[in-house]
Amino acid sequence: MEEEYRTLKASATAEFTERRSRFLSDAAPVCREEEAVAFLQSVKSRHKEARHYVYAYCLRQERITRHSDGGEPQGTAGMPVLDVLLRSGVTDAMIVVTRYFGGILLGAGGLVRAYSHAASLALKQSGIAVMKRCALLEICCGYAQYAAVSALIARFGGAVDHTEYRDSVRICFHLEQKKLNFFCRALSDATCGKCRAELLSEKYRSVQ
């Protein structure tokens, strides 16, 4: 299992016009092929009068890359969009470029440039998130240890997801997996062995 991967930070849209043709690009994080198909259908439903729907996506776990020229000449649309994704290094990601034809032919070279540009605009709007393999952890500590434990979580780059204040303090947080052993040793030292971190699960999370 890899320690990290890159994906889209959020769904995004972009638009530009080239020789009277409108190019609208939609980008979104997707994890499964069913999600990619559903996203394509949602774009089509919003742009029912468009002439072409070009798409490309990459899926990490299924190790799938797919693209479609959407009715444009072969190799002029889907592959340029896929190339933008591959060059950026993102996965679990999809871009759909919708074209409203403006009546002027762009030629093969013009189409490649237009679809590449549309995909790049959507990717820039979305941004890239680095997803790191994290341990989801829980610590129960007394109020006397709470400040030290909180400072330790921050020092190791952990992020607190939830805190409950009752007879004791329950802290749920996530931490990069590769830092876990070092954190546990530091936690034991800081609390004289009174606190321990319980591993709840593992998950990829965006860690700043």
Foldseek 3Di string as FASTA:
>chain_A
DDFKAKAFQAWFWDWDDDPQKIKIKIKGQAADPVVVVVVQVVVCVVCVQFQFKWKWAAHDPVRDIDIDQRPPPPPQAGVLLNVLCVVVRHHSMMMIMTMHDRPDDLPSVRSSVVNNVRSVVRRVRRDMFMWGKKFWKKKWAAPVCVVVLVVLCVVQQKDWDDWDDDNTIMTIIIGRPVCVVVSQVVSCVSVVNPMGIDTDDIDIDGGD
